[in-house]
Amino acid sequence: MKLAGFNFTKINAEKIKDNFKDLKIETKINIEDLKEIKSNLIKSKESFLTIKFQYGIDYKPEIANIEFKGNILLAVDQKKAKDILRDWKDKKISEEFRMVIFNLILKKSNIKSLQLEEEINLPAHFRLPMINGLQKDKK
């Protein structure tokens, strides 16, 4: 499986209030559609699948939200693509394929969401690595 394309079609960030008391942050990923792209222009032994997704971060209670919608284009082995499309008829995705898709979405969306959080003064939606003071060797 190879990533052939990724783009956002919607980016929305809204800060409703500055009071972060009782802050809870929830994230969600939703696969809205999955289909094969057929073209006479593309000569390949692989099939191309396009995936529409939605990724959201909710700062609760009604503090802020960030929303992304977008598309992923994957080059997939033809046999594997048939299996994926067959499963999708019942709106199901194999665990292996779901992990690949979700990791792509998280990789791209988390970078963009950190930029938006910084711009509208929201805390990061996940714990960032920090360096603590150096510890002296205990002997």
N, C-alpha and C. Protein backbone atom coordinates (compact mmCIF):
# COMPACT_ATOMS: atom_id res chain seq x y z
N MET A 1 0.84 -1.17 0.00
CA MET A 1 0.00 0.00 0.00
C MET A 1 0.90 1.24 0.00
N LYS A 2 0.61 2.16 -0.93
CA LYS A 2 1.41 3.38 -1.01
C LYS A 2 0.49 4.60 -1.00
N LEU A 3 0.91 5.61 -0.26
CA LEU A 3 0.18 6.87 -0.25
C LEU A 3 0.45 7.60 -1.56
N ALA A 4 -0.63 7.85 -2.32
CA ALA A 4 -0.49 8.55 -3.60
C ALA A 4 -0.96 10.00 -3.48
N GLY A 5 -1.75 10.31 -2.45
CA GLY A 5 -2.21 11.68 -2.28
C GLY A 5 -2.97 11.86 -0.98
N PHE A 6 -2.92 13.08 -0.47
CA PHE A 6 -3.64 13.44 0.76
C PHE A 6 -3.96 14.91 0.68
N ASN A 7 -5.23 15.26 0.90
CA ASN A 7 -5.56 16.68 0.94
C ASN A 7 -6.73 16.93 1.89
N PHE A 8 -6.73 18.12 2.44
CA PHE A 8 -7.85 18.55 3.27
C PHE A 8 -8.85 19.28 2.39
N THR A 9 -10.13 19.03 2.61
CA THR A 9 -11.18 19.75 1.91
C THR A 9 -11.89 20.74 2.84
N LYS A 10 -11.71 20.55 4.13
CA LYS A 10 -12.29 21.46 5.12
C LYS A 10 -11.39 21.52 6.34
N ILE A 11 -11.12 22.74 6.80
CA ILE A 11 -10.38 22.96 8.04
C ILE A 11 -11.15 24.02 8.82
N ASN A 12 -11.56 23.67 10.03
CA ASN A 12 -12.33 24.61 10.83
C ASN A 12 -11.85 24.57 12.27
N ALA A 13 -11.56 25.72 12.84
CA ALA A 13 -11.18 25.81 14.25
C ALA A 13 -11.98 26.94 14.88
N GLU A 14 -12.65 26.62 15.98
CA GLU A 14 -13.48 27.62 16.65
C GLU A 14 -13.26 27.54 18.15
N LYS A 15 -12.95 28.70 18.73
CA LYS A 15 -12.82 28.81 20.17
C LYS A 15 -14.05 29.54 20.67
N ILE A 16 -14.80 28.89 21.53
CA ILE A 16 -16.08 29.44 22.01
C ILE A 16 -15.89 30.24 23.29
N LYS A 17 -15.04 29.74 24.18
CA LYS A 17 -14.77 30.46 25.43
C LYS A 17 -13.37 30.16 25.93
N ASP A 18 -12.88 31.03 26.83
CA ASP A 18 -11.52 30.91 27.36
C ASP A 18 -11.44 30.15 28.68
N ASN A 19 -12.54 29.77 29.24
CA ASN A 19 -12.56 29.08 30.53
C ASN A 19 -12.29 27.59 30.30
N PHE A 20 -11.13 27.12 30.75
CA PHE A 20 -10.75 25.72 30.55
C PHE A 20 -11.06 24.85 31.77
N LYS A 21 -11.92 25.35 32.66
CA LYS A 21 -12.28 24.58 33.84
C LYS A 21 -13.01 23.30 33.41
N ASP A 22 -12.65 22.19 34.03
CA ASP A 22 -13.24 20.88 33.73
C ASP A 22 -13.03 20.46 32.27
N LEU A 23 -11.93 20.88 31.69
CA LEU A 23 -11.63 20.58 30.29
C LEU A 23 -11.50 19.08 30.04
N LYS A 24 -12.19 18.61 29.03
CA LYS A 24 -12.06 17.24 28.53
C LYS A 24 -11.91 17.34 27.03
N ILE A 25 -10.93 16.62 26.50
CA ILE A 25 -10.68 16.67 25.07
C ILE A 25 -11.00 15.30 24.48
N GLU A 26 -11.85 15.30 23.47
CA GLU A 26 -12.23 14.06 22.78
C GLU A 26 -11.91 14.19 21.30
N THR A 27 -11.42 13.10 20.74
CA THR A 27 -11.15 13.08 19.31
C THR A 27 -11.97 11.98 18.66
N LYS A 28 -12.25 12.17 17.36
CA LYS A 28 -12.99 11.13 16.63
C LYS A 28 -12.53 11.13 15.18
N ILE A 29 -12.52 9.94 14.61
CA ILE A 29 -12.19 9.76 13.20
C ILE A 29 -13.34 9.00 12.57
N ASN A 30 -13.75 9.44 11.41
CA ASN A 30 -14.84 8.78 10.70
C ASN A 30 -14.47 8.62 9.23
N ILE A 31 -14.60 7.41 8.72
CA ILE A 31 -14.45 7.17 7.29
C ILE A 31 -15.82 7.36 6.67
N GLU A 32 -15.96 8.38 5.83
CA GLU A 32 -17.25 8.70 5.24
C GLU A 32 -17.52 7.92 3.96
N ASP A 33 -16.48 7.67 3.17
CA ASP A 33 -16.66 6.95 1.91
C ASP A 33 -15.35 6.33 1.47
N LEU A 34 -15.46 5.26 0.72
CA LEU A 34 -14.29 4.57 0.20
C LEU A 34 -14.69 4.01 -1.16
N LYS A 35 -13.91 4.33 -2.19
CA LYS A 35 -14.23 3.79 -3.51
C LYS A 35 -12.99 3.71 -4.37
N GLU A 36 -13.11 2.94 -5.43
CA GLU A 36 -12.01 2.77 -6.37
C GLU A 36 -12.10 3.83 -7.45
N ILE A 37 -10.93 4.32 -7.86
CA ILE A 37 -10.86 5.26 -8.97
C ILE A 37 -10.40 4.49 -10.19
N LYS A 38 -11.20 4.57 -11.24
CA LYS A 38 -10.83 3.91 -12.49
C LYS A 38 -10.55 4.98 -13.52
N SER A 39 -9.44 4.81 -14.25
CA SER A 39 -9.06 5.78 -15.26
C SER A 39 -8.26 5.10 -16.35
N ASN A 40 -8.51 5.47 -17.57
CA ASN A 40 -7.73 4.97 -18.69
C ASN A 40 -6.36 5.63 -18.74
N LEU A 41 -6.20 6.73 -18.02
CA LEU A 41 -4.93 7.45 -18.01
C LEU A 41 -3.89 6.78 -17.11
N ILE A 42 -4.37 6.00 -16.15
CA ILE A 42 -3.47 5.37 -15.19
C ILE A 42 -3.22 3.93 -15.61
N LYS A 43 -2.00 3.63 -15.99
CA LYS A 43 -1.60 2.26 -16.33
C LYS A 43 -0.79 1.72 -15.16
N SER A 44 -1.38 0.83 -14.39
CA SER A 44 -0.72 0.32 -13.21
C SER A 44 -1.25 -1.06 -12.86
N LYS A 45 -0.42 -1.82 -12.17
CA LYS A 45 -0.85 -3.12 -11.66
C LYS A 45 -1.57 -2.98 -10.33
N GLU A 46 -1.62 -1.76 -9.85
CA GLU A 46 -2.28 -1.48 -8.58
C GLU A 46 -3.62 -0.80 -8.82
N SER A 47 -4.50 -0.94 -7.86
CA SER A 47 -5.76 -0.21 -7.87
C SER A 47 -5.59 1.04 -7.03
N PHE A 48 -6.36 2.07 -7.37
CA PHE A 48 -6.31 3.30 -6.61
C PHE A 48 -7.62 3.48 -5.85
N LEU A 49 -7.50 3.62 -4.54
CA LEU A 49 -8.66 3.81 -3.68
C LEU A 49 -8.65 5.22 -3.14
N THR A 50 -9.83 5.83 -3.12
CA THR A 50 -9.95 7.14 -2.51
C THR A 50 -10.83 7.00 -1.26
N ILE A 51 -10.38 7.62 -0.19
CA ILE A 51 -11.06 7.54 1.10
C ILE A 51 -11.39 8.94 1.56
N LYS A 52 -12.68 9.19 1.81
CA LYS A 52 -13.10 10.47 2.39
C LYS A 52 -13.17 10.28 3.90
N PHE A 53 -12.59 11.23 4.63
CA PHE A 53 -12.57 11.10 6.09
C PHE A 53 -12.97 12.41 6.76
N GLN A 54 -13.27 12.26 8.04
CA GLN A 54 -13.53 13.39 8.92
C GLN A 54 -12.77 13.13 10.21
N TYR A 55 -12.11 14.17 10.73
CA TYR A 55 -11.37 14.07 11.98
C TYR A 55 -11.75 15.28 12.83
N GLY A 56 -12.14 15.04 14.07
CA GLY A 56 -12.56 16.13 14.92
C GLY A 56 -11.93 16.07 16.30
N ILE A 57 -11.73 17.25 16.87
CA ILE A 57 -11.24 17.39 18.24
C ILE A 57 -12.24 18.30 18.95
N ASP A 58 -12.84 17.79 20.02
CA ASP A 58 -13.81 18.57 20.80
C ASP A 58 -13.23 18.87 22.17
N TYR A 59 -13.18 20.16 22.48
CA TYR A 59 -12.77 20.63 23.81
C TYR A 59 -14.06 20.86 24.58
N LYS A 60 -14.33 19.99 25.54
CA LYS A 60 -15.59 20.05 26.27
C LYS A 60 -15.37 20.59 27.67
N PRO A 61 -16.33 21.23 28.29
CA PRO A 61 -17.71 21.46 27.83
C PRO A 61 -17.83 22.73 26.98
N GLU A 62 -18.13 22.57 25.75
CA GLU A 62 -18.37 23.66 24.78
C GLU A 62 -17.32 24.77 24.85
N ILE A 63 -16.05 24.37 24.81
CA ILE A 63 -14.95 25.33 24.88
C ILE A 63 -14.44 25.65 23.48
N ALA A 64 -14.21 24.60 22.69
CA ALA A 64 -13.67 24.80 21.35
C ALA A 64 -13.83 23.51 20.55
N ASN A 65 -13.63 23.63 19.24
CA ASN A 65 -13.59 22.43 18.40
C ASN A 65 -12.74 22.71 17.17
N ILE A 66 -12.17 21.63 16.69
CA ILE A 66 -11.38 21.67 15.46
C ILE A 66 -11.90 20.53 14.59
N GLU A 67 -12.11 20.82 13.31
CA GLU A 67 -12.64 19.80 12.41
C GLU A 67 -11.88 19.80 11.08
N PHE A 68 -11.60 18.61 10.62
CA PHE A 68 -10.97 18.42 9.31
C PHE A 68 -11.80 17.45 8.50
N LYS A 69 -11.89 17.71 7.22
CA LYS A 69 -12.40 16.74 6.26
C LYS A 69 -11.36 16.66 5.16
N GLY A 70 -11.26 15.48 4.55
CA GLY A 70 -10.26 15.35 3.51
C GLY A 70 -10.36 14.07 2.74
N ASN A 71 -9.39 13.88 1.86
CA ASN A 71 -9.31 12.71 0.99
C ASN A 71 -7.93 12.10 1.06
N ILE A 72 -7.90 10.79 0.98
CA ILE A 72 -6.65 10.05 0.89
C ILE A 72 -6.72 9.23 -0.39
N LEU A 73 -5.64 9.22 -1.15
CA LEU A 73 -5.55 8.39 -2.35
C LEU A 73 -4.45 7.36 -2.11
N LEU A 74 -4.83 6.07 -2.17
CA LEU A 74 -3.89 4.99 -1.93
C LEU A 74 -3.74 4.11 -3.16
N ALA A 75 -2.52 3.69 -3.43
CA ALA A 75 -2.25 2.68 -4.44
C ALA A 75 -2.17 1.35 -3.70
N VAL A 76 -3.04 0.42 -4.09
CA VAL A 76 -3.18 -0.84 -3.36
C VAL A 76 -3.13 -2.00 -4.35
N ASP A 77 -2.51 -3.10 -3.94
CA ASP A 77 -2.51 -4.32 -4.74
C ASP A 77 -3.95 -4.67 -5.13
N GLN A 78 -4.16 -5.09 -6.37
CA GLN A 78 -5.51 -5.31 -6.89
C GLN A 78 -6.30 -6.32 -6.07
N LYS A 79 -5.68 -7.41 -5.64
CA LYS A 79 -6.39 -8.40 -4.84
C LYS A 79 -6.81 -7.80 -3.50
N LYS A 80 -5.89 -7.09 -2.87
CA LYS A 80 -6.19 -6.45 -1.58
C LYS A 80 -7.30 -5.41 -1.75
N ALA A 81 -7.26 -4.66 -2.86
CA ALA A 81 -8.29 -3.65 -3.12
C ALA A 81 -9.66 -4.29 -3.24
N LYS A 82 -9.75 -5.43 -3.90
CA LYS A 82 -11.04 -6.13 -4.03
C LYS A 82 -11.59 -6.52 -2.67
N ASP A 83 -10.70 -7.02 -1.80
CA ASP A 83 -11.11 -7.40 -0.44
C ASP A 83 -11.61 -6.18 0.34
N ILE A 84 -10.89 -5.07 0.23
CA ILE A 84 -11.26 -3.84 0.94
C ILE A 84 -12.61 -3.34 0.45
N LEU A 85 -12.81 -3.31 -0.86
CA LEU A 85 -14.07 -2.83 -1.44
C LEU A 85 -15.24 -3.76 -1.09
N ARG A 86 -14.98 -5.06 -1.06
CA ARG A 86 -16.03 -6.02 -0.69
C ARG A 86 -16.48 -5.77 0.75
N ASP A 87 -15.51 -5.59 1.66
CA ASP A 87 -15.85 -5.31 3.06
C ASP A 87 -16.60 -3.98 3.19
N TRP A 88 -16.20 -2.98 2.40
CA TRP A 88 -16.81 -1.66 2.51
C TRP A 88 -18.29 -1.65 2.09
N LYS A 89 -18.70 -2.62 1.28
CA LYS A 89 -20.13 -2.70 0.91
C LYS A 89 -21.00 -2.80 2.15
N ASP A 90 -20.47 -3.42 3.21
CA ASP A 90 -21.18 -3.52 4.49
C ASP A 90 -20.68 -2.47 5.49
N LYS A 91 -19.96 -1.45 4.97
CA LYS A 91 -19.39 -0.37 5.80
C LYS A 91 -18.44 -0.91 6.86
N LYS A 92 -17.69 -1.95 6.48
CA LYS A 92 -16.70 -2.53 7.38
C LYS A 92 -15.31 -2.35 6.78
N ILE A 93 -14.31 -2.28 7.67
CA ILE A 93 -12.92 -2.14 7.27
C ILE A 93 -12.11 -3.09 8.14
N SER A 94 -11.19 -3.83 7.54
CA SER A 94 -10.35 -4.73 8.33
C SER A 94 -9.51 -3.93 9.32
N GLU A 95 -9.15 -4.57 10.40
CA GLU A 95 -8.37 -3.88 11.44
C GLU A 95 -7.03 -3.40 10.89
N GLU A 96 -6.38 -4.21 10.06
CA GLU A 96 -5.10 -3.84 9.46
C GLU A 96 -5.23 -2.58 8.60
N PHE A 97 -6.25 -2.55 7.75
CA PHE A 97 -6.46 -1.41 6.87
C PHE A 97 -6.87 -0.17 7.67
N ARG A 98 -7.71 -0.36 8.69
CA ARG A 98 -8.14 0.74 9.55
C ARG A 98 -6.93 1.40 10.22
N MET A 99 -5.99 0.60 10.70
CA MET A 99 -4.80 1.15 11.36
C MET A 99 -3.99 1.99 10.38
N VAL A 100 -3.82 1.52 9.16
CA VAL A 100 -3.07 2.27 8.16
C VAL A 100 -3.75 3.62 7.89
N ILE A 101 -5.06 3.59 7.65
CA ILE A 101 -5.82 4.80 7.33
C ILE A 101 -5.80 5.77 8.52
N PHE A 102 -6.11 5.28 9.70
CA PHE A 102 -6.16 6.14 10.88
C PHE A 102 -4.80 6.76 11.17
N ASN A 103 -3.73 6.01 11.01
CA ASN A 103 -2.39 6.56 11.25
C ASN A 103 -2.04 7.65 10.24
N LEU A 104 -2.45 7.48 8.98
CA LEU A 104 -2.24 8.54 7.99
C LEU A 104 -3.01 9.81 8.37
N ILE A 105 -4.27 9.62 8.75
CA ILE A 105 -5.10 10.76 9.15
C ILE A 105 -4.50 11.46 10.37
N LEU A 106 -4.12 10.69 11.37
CA LEU A 106 -3.55 11.28 12.58
C LEU A 106 -2.24 12.00 12.30
N LYS A 107 -1.39 11.41 11.48
CA LYS A 107 -0.10 12.03 11.18
C LYS A 107 -0.29 13.41 10.56
N LYS A 108 -1.14 13.51 9.56
CA LYS A 108 -1.35 14.78 8.87
C LYS A 108 -2.18 15.76 9.71
N SER A 109 -3.24 15.26 10.34
CA SER A 109 -4.16 16.13 11.07
C SER A 109 -3.58 16.65 12.37
N ASN A 110 -2.79 15.84 13.06
CA ASN A 110 -2.21 16.30 14.33
C ASN A 110 -1.24 17.45 14.12
N ILE A 111 -0.47 17.40 13.06
CA ILE A 111 0.45 18.50 12.76
C ILE A 111 -0.33 19.79 12.52
N LYS A 112 -1.35 19.70 11.69
CA LYS A 112 -2.17 20.87 11.35
C LYS A 112 -2.93 21.35 12.59
N SER A 113 -3.46 20.45 13.39
CA SER A 113 -4.22 20.87 14.57
C SER A 113 -3.33 21.56 15.60
N LEU A 114 -2.08 21.12 15.75
CA LEU A 114 -1.17 21.81 16.67
C LEU A 114 -0.93 23.25 16.24
N GLN A 115 -0.83 23.48 14.94
CA GLN A 115 -0.68 24.85 14.44
C GLN A 115 -1.92 25.68 14.76
N LEU A 116 -3.10 25.10 14.54
CA LEU A 116 -4.35 25.83 14.82
C LEU A 116 -4.52 26.09 16.31
N GLU A 117 -4.19 25.11 17.14
CA GLU A 117 -4.29 25.27 18.59
C GLU A 117 -3.39 26.41 19.06
N GLU A 118 -2.21 26.50 18.49
CA GLU A 118 -1.29 27.59 18.84
C GLU A 118 -1.88 28.94 18.42
N GLU A 119 -2.44 29.00 17.23
CA GLU A 119 -2.97 30.27 16.70
C GLU A 119 -4.18 30.78 17.47
N ILE A 120 -5.05 29.87 17.95
CA ILE A 120 -6.24 30.36 18.68
C ILE A 120 -6.12 30.14 20.18
N ASN A 121 -4.88 29.87 20.63
CA ASN A 121 -4.56 29.79 22.06
C ASN A 121 -5.35 28.70 22.79
N LEU A 122 -5.24 27.48 22.27
CA LEU A 122 -5.83 26.32 22.93
C LEU A 122 -4.70 25.41 23.40
N PRO A 123 -4.94 24.66 24.47
CA PRO A 123 -3.93 23.68 24.86
C PRO A 123 -3.85 22.57 23.80
N ALA A 124 -2.68 21.97 23.67
CA ALA A 124 -2.51 20.86 22.73
C ALA A 124 -3.45 19.72 23.14
N HIS A 125 -3.98 19.04 22.15
CA HIS A 125 -4.94 17.97 22.43
C HIS A 125 -4.29 16.66 22.84
N PHE A 126 -2.96 16.62 22.86
CA PHE A 126 -2.24 15.48 23.41
C PHE A 126 -0.98 16.00 24.09
N ARG A 127 -0.45 15.18 24.98
CA ARG A 127 0.71 15.59 25.77
C ARG A 127 1.95 15.63 24.89
N LEU A 128 2.58 16.79 24.84
CA LEU A 128 3.81 16.96 24.08
C LEU A 128 5.01 16.53 24.92
N PRO A 129 6.05 16.00 24.29
CA PRO A 129 7.23 15.61 25.06
C PRO A 129 7.89 16.83 25.69
N MET A 130 8.36 16.66 26.91
CA MET A 130 9.02 17.74 27.64
C MET A 130 10.31 17.20 28.24
N ILE A 131 11.28 18.08 28.39
CA ILE A 131 12.54 17.71 29.03
C ILE A 131 12.52 18.26 30.44
N ASN A 132 12.76 17.39 31.39
CA ASN A 132 12.86 17.81 32.79
C ASN A 132 14.31 18.09 33.11
N GLY A 133 14.56 18.71 34.24
CA GLY A 133 15.94 18.99 34.66
C GLY A 133 16.77 17.73 34.69
N LEU A 134 18.06 17.87 34.46
CA LEU A 134 18.96 16.73 34.48
C LEU A 134 19.04 16.15 35.88
N GLN A 135 19.02 14.84 35.96
CA GLN A 135 19.14 14.19 37.26
C GLN A 135 20.60 13.83 37.51
N LYS A 136 21.05 14.06 38.73
CA LYS A 136 22.42 13.70 39.10
C LYS A 136 22.46 12.21 39.36
N ASP A 137 23.59 11.60 38.97
CA ASP A 137 23.77 10.17 39.22
C ASP A 137 23.79 9.92 40.73
N LYS A 138 23.02 8.92 41.13
CA LYS A 138 23.01 8.53 42.55
C LYS A 138 23.89 7.31 42.71
N LYS A 139 24.91 7.43 43.54
CA LYS A 139 25.82 6.30 43.76
C LYS A 139 25.89 5.95 45.19
